[in-house]
Amino acid sequence: MVLAAANIFDAHSSIGRMEANPLLQNSQGQFSGARGVAFKSVAAGGMLAVQAIFARRNPEIYKTGTAVNFVAAGTLGVTAVWNSR
């Protein structure tokens, strides 16, 4: 949940601004709303899917997965705050 909220906050703070990541840019170099949100959703969903597959086979990694998700959410949160300035 926290990772999804951080992704939404980051995408919202990036709309209409210049984007350094070419995968998230439109032709003018700004964050592309639809393309950026789609890419960020697929990336987060893929990360969570891989974690779920590994956790099914090895339940001890739930704690590691939780830590990874919170670090990723924290990084996105910091980026969103930076974008909002």
N, C-alpha and C. Protein backbone atom coordinates (compact mmCIF):
# COMPACT_ATOMS: atom_id res chain seq x y z
N MET A 1 0.81 -1.20 0.00
CA MET A 1 0.00 0.00 0.00
C MET A 1 0.85 1.26 0.00
N VAL A 2 1.89 1.25 0.84
CA VAL A 2 2.76 2.42 0.93
C VAL A 2 3.47 2.65 -0.40
N LEU A 3 3.92 1.56 -1.04
CA LEU A 3 4.61 1.68 -2.32
C LEU A 3 3.67 2.26 -3.39
N ALA A 4 2.44 1.83 -3.41
CA ALA A 4 1.47 2.36 -4.37
C ALA A 4 1.20 3.84 -4.12
N ALA A 5 1.04 4.22 -2.87
CA ALA A 5 0.80 5.62 -2.54
C ALA A 5 1.99 6.49 -2.92
N ALA A 6 3.20 6.00 -2.69
CA ALA A 6 4.40 6.76 -3.04
C ALA A 6 4.51 6.91 -4.56
N ASN A 7 4.15 5.88 -5.31
CA ASN A 7 4.17 5.96 -6.77
C ASN A 7 3.16 7.00 -7.27
N ILE A 8 1.98 7.00 -6.68
CA ILE A 8 0.95 7.97 -7.08
C ILE A 8 1.40 9.39 -6.76
N PHE A 9 1.96 9.59 -5.56
CA PHE A 9 2.44 10.90 -5.15
C PHE A 9 3.57 11.37 -6.06
N ASP A 10 4.49 10.47 -6.41
CA ASP A 10 5.60 10.82 -7.30
C ASP A 10 5.09 11.18 -8.69
N ALA A 11 4.19 10.39 -9.23
CA ALA A 11 3.65 10.69 -10.56
C ALA A 11 2.91 12.02 -10.56
N HIS A 12 2.10 12.25 -9.53
CA HIS A 12 1.35 13.51 -9.44
C HIS A 12 2.29 14.72 -9.36
N SER A 13 3.37 14.58 -8.63
CA SER A 13 4.31 15.70 -8.47
C SER A 13 5.15 15.93 -9.72
N SER A 14 5.17 14.96 -10.63
CA SER A 14 5.99 15.07 -11.84
C SER A 14 5.25 15.60 -13.05
N ILE A 15 3.94 15.54 -13.06
CA ILE A 15 3.16 15.92 -14.24
C ILE A 15 3.44 17.37 -14.60
N GLY A 16 3.77 17.58 -15.89
CA GLY A 16 4.03 18.92 -16.40
C GLY A 16 5.44 19.42 -16.14
N ARG A 17 6.28 18.62 -15.53
CA ARG A 17 7.66 19.03 -15.24
C ARG A 17 8.62 18.27 -16.16
N MET A 18 9.83 18.80 -16.27
CA MET A 18 10.86 18.12 -17.05
C MET A 18 11.20 16.80 -16.37
N GLU A 19 11.45 15.79 -17.19
CA GLU A 19 11.72 14.45 -16.68
C GLU A 19 13.07 13.98 -17.17
N ALA A 20 13.92 13.51 -16.25
CA ALA A 20 15.26 13.04 -16.61
C ALA A 20 15.22 11.62 -17.19
N ASN A 21 14.26 10.81 -16.80
CA ASN A 21 14.18 9.43 -17.26
C ASN A 21 13.52 9.38 -18.64
N PRO A 22 14.26 8.96 -19.67
CA PRO A 22 13.68 8.94 -21.03
C PRO A 22 12.47 8.02 -21.18
N LEU A 23 12.35 7.00 -20.32
CA LEU A 23 11.19 6.10 -20.40
C LEU A 23 9.90 6.78 -19.96
N LEU A 24 10.02 7.86 -19.21
CA LEU A 24 8.85 8.55 -18.67
C LEU A 24 8.57 9.88 -19.37
N GLN A 25 9.37 10.23 -20.36
CA GLN A 25 9.26 11.53 -21.04
C GLN A 25 8.28 11.49 -22.22
N ASN A 26 7.71 12.67 -22.49
CA ASN A 26 7.00 12.84 -23.74
C ASN A 26 7.98 13.44 -24.75
N SER A 27 7.51 13.84 -25.91
CA SER A 27 8.42 14.35 -26.94
C SER A 27 9.06 15.69 -26.57
N GLN A 28 8.47 16.43 -25.63
CA GLN A 28 9.03 17.70 -25.17
C GLN A 28 9.97 17.53 -23.97
N GLY A 29 10.16 16.32 -23.51
CA GLY A 29 11.03 16.05 -22.37
C GLY A 29 10.35 16.17 -21.02
N GLN A 30 9.04 16.39 -21.03
CA GLN A 30 8.29 16.47 -19.78
C GLN A 30 7.75 15.09 -19.40
N PHE A 31 7.39 14.96 -18.11
CA PHE A 31 6.80 13.71 -17.64
C PHE A 31 5.51 13.47 -18.41
N SER A 32 5.41 12.29 -19.02
CA SER A 32 4.22 11.92 -19.77
C SER A 32 3.23 11.26 -18.80
N GLY A 33 2.09 11.89 -18.60
CA GLY A 33 1.11 11.39 -17.64
C GLY A 33 0.74 9.94 -17.86
N ALA A 34 0.15 9.62 -18.99
CA ALA A 34 -0.33 8.26 -19.24
C ALA A 34 0.82 7.27 -19.35
N ARG A 35 1.81 7.62 -20.13
CA ARG A 35 2.95 6.72 -20.33
C ARG A 35 3.73 6.54 -19.02
N GLY A 36 3.96 7.62 -18.32
CA GLY A 36 4.71 7.56 -17.07
C GLY A 36 4.00 6.75 -16.01
N VAL A 37 2.71 6.98 -15.86
CA VAL A 37 1.94 6.25 -14.86
C VAL A 37 1.88 4.76 -15.23
N ALA A 38 1.71 4.47 -16.51
CA ALA A 38 1.67 3.07 -16.95
C ALA A 38 3.00 2.38 -16.66
N PHE A 39 4.10 3.02 -17.00
CA PHE A 39 5.41 2.43 -16.77
C PHE A 39 5.68 2.22 -15.28
N LYS A 40 5.37 3.24 -14.48
CA LYS A 40 5.59 3.14 -13.03
C LYS A 40 4.72 2.04 -12.43
N SER A 41 3.49 1.89 -12.91
CA SER A 41 2.59 0.84 -12.41
C SER A 41 3.10 -0.54 -12.76
N VAL A 42 3.55 -0.72 -13.99
CA VAL A 42 4.08 -2.01 -14.42
C VAL A 42 5.34 -2.35 -13.63
N ALA A 43 6.21 -1.36 -13.42
CA ALA A 43 7.45 -1.60 -12.67
C ALA A 43 7.15 -2.01 -11.22
N ALA A 44 6.27 -1.28 -10.57
CA ALA A 44 5.92 -1.61 -9.17
C ALA A 44 5.19 -2.95 -9.10
N GLY A 45 4.27 -3.17 -10.02
CA GLY A 45 3.55 -4.45 -10.04
C GLY A 45 4.47 -5.62 -10.30
N GLY A 46 5.43 -5.44 -11.19
CA GLY A 46 6.40 -6.50 -11.47
C GLY A 46 7.26 -6.81 -10.26
N MET A 47 7.69 -5.76 -9.57
CA MET A 47 8.50 -5.95 -8.37
C MET A 47 7.69 -6.72 -7.31
N LEU A 48 6.44 -6.35 -7.12
CA LEU A 48 5.60 -7.04 -6.14
C LEU A 48 5.29 -8.48 -6.56
N ALA A 49 5.13 -8.71 -7.86
CA ALA A 49 4.87 -10.07 -8.35
C ALA A 49 6.07 -10.98 -8.11
N VAL A 50 7.27 -10.46 -8.39
CA VAL A 50 8.48 -11.25 -8.15
C VAL A 50 8.62 -11.56 -6.66
N GLN A 51 8.35 -10.57 -5.82
CA GLN A 51 8.41 -10.80 -4.37
C GLN A 51 7.40 -11.87 -3.94
N ALA A 52 6.20 -11.83 -4.50
CA ALA A 52 5.18 -12.81 -4.14
C ALA A 52 5.59 -14.22 -4.55
N ILE A 53 6.19 -14.35 -5.72
CA ILE A 53 6.64 -15.66 -6.19
C ILE A 53 7.72 -16.21 -5.27
N PHE A 54 8.70 -15.36 -4.95
CA PHE A 54 9.78 -15.81 -4.06
C PHE A 54 9.26 -16.10 -2.65
N ALA A 55 8.33 -15.30 -2.18
CA ALA A 55 7.80 -15.48 -0.82
C ALA A 55 7.00 -16.77 -0.71
N ARG A 56 6.36 -17.18 -1.77
CA ARG A 56 5.61 -18.44 -1.74
C ARG A 56 6.55 -19.63 -1.56
N ARG A 57 7.69 -19.53 -2.22
CA ARG A 57 8.67 -20.62 -2.15
C ARG A 57 9.51 -20.56 -0.88
N ASN A 58 9.68 -19.35 -0.34
CA ASN A 58 10.55 -19.16 0.81
C ASN A 58 9.93 -18.10 1.72
N PRO A 59 9.01 -18.47 2.60
CA PRO A 59 8.28 -17.49 3.41
C PRO A 59 9.14 -16.60 4.31
N GLU A 60 10.40 -17.00 4.56
CA GLU A 60 11.25 -16.17 5.43
C GLU A 60 11.60 -14.83 4.80
N ILE A 61 11.41 -14.68 3.49
CA ILE A 61 11.83 -13.42 2.87
C ILE A 61 10.76 -12.32 2.95
N TYR A 62 9.64 -12.59 3.62
CA TYR A 62 8.63 -11.55 3.78
C TYR A 62 9.22 -10.29 4.41
N LYS A 63 10.05 -10.46 5.42
CA LYS A 63 10.65 -9.30 6.08
C LYS A 63 11.55 -8.53 5.13
N THR A 64 12.32 -9.25 4.34
CA THR A 64 13.19 -8.60 3.36
C THR A 64 12.36 -7.85 2.33
N GLY A 65 11.32 -8.48 1.83
CA GLY A 65 10.43 -7.83 0.86
C GLY A 65 9.79 -6.58 1.42
N THR A 66 9.38 -6.65 2.67
CA THR A 66 8.79 -5.48 3.33
C THR A 66 9.80 -4.35 3.42
N ALA A 67 11.03 -4.67 3.78
CA ALA A 67 12.07 -3.65 3.87
C ALA A 67 12.35 -3.04 2.50
N VAL A 68 12.43 -3.87 1.48
CA VAL A 68 12.66 -3.37 0.11
C VAL A 68 11.54 -2.44 -0.31
N ASN A 69 10.29 -2.80 -0.02
CA ASN A 69 9.15 -1.96 -0.38
C ASN A 69 9.18 -0.62 0.34
N PHE A 70 9.53 -0.62 1.61
CA PHE A 70 9.59 0.64 2.36
C PHE A 70 10.74 1.52 1.89
N VAL A 71 11.86 0.93 1.54
CA VAL A 71 12.97 1.71 0.99
C VAL A 71 12.57 2.31 -0.36
N ALA A 72 11.95 1.52 -1.21
CA ALA A 72 11.50 2.02 -2.51
C ALA A 72 10.46 3.14 -2.32
N ALA A 73 9.54 2.94 -1.40
CA ALA A 73 8.52 3.97 -1.13
C ALA A 73 9.17 5.23 -0.58
N GLY A 74 10.14 5.08 0.30
CA GLY A 74 10.84 6.24 0.85
C GLY A 74 11.58 7.00 -0.23
N THR A 75 12.23 6.28 -1.13
CA THR A 75 12.95 6.93 -2.24
C THR A 75 11.97 7.69 -3.13
N LEU A 76 10.86 7.07 -3.46
CA LEU A 76 9.85 7.75 -4.28
C LEU A 76 9.25 8.94 -3.54
N GLY A 77 9.05 8.80 -2.24
CA GLY A 77 8.52 9.91 -1.45
C GLY A 77 9.46 11.10 -1.44
N VAL A 78 10.75 10.84 -1.26
CA VAL A 78 11.74 11.92 -1.29
C VAL A 78 11.77 12.58 -2.66
N THR A 79 11.70 11.77 -3.71
CA THR A 79 11.68 12.31 -5.07
C THR A 79 10.44 13.18 -5.29
N ALA A 80 9.31 12.73 -4.80
CA ALA A 80 8.07 13.50 -4.95
C ALA A 80 8.15 14.83 -4.21
N VAL A 81 8.71 14.82 -3.01
CA VAL A 81 8.87 16.05 -2.25
C VAL A 81 9.80 17.00 -3.01
N TRP A 82 10.89 16.43 -3.55
CA TRP A 82 11.84 17.24 -4.32
C TRP A 82 11.13 17.86 -5.54
N ASN A 83 10.30 17.08 -6.23
CA ASN A 83 9.58 17.58 -7.39
C ASN A 83 8.60 18.69 -7.02
N SER A 84 8.06 18.62 -5.82
CA SER A 84 7.03 19.58 -5.40
C SER A 84 7.59 20.95 -5.08
N ARG A 85 8.88 21.07 -4.96
CA ARG A 85 9.48 22.38 -4.62
C ARG A 85 9.39 23.35 -5.76
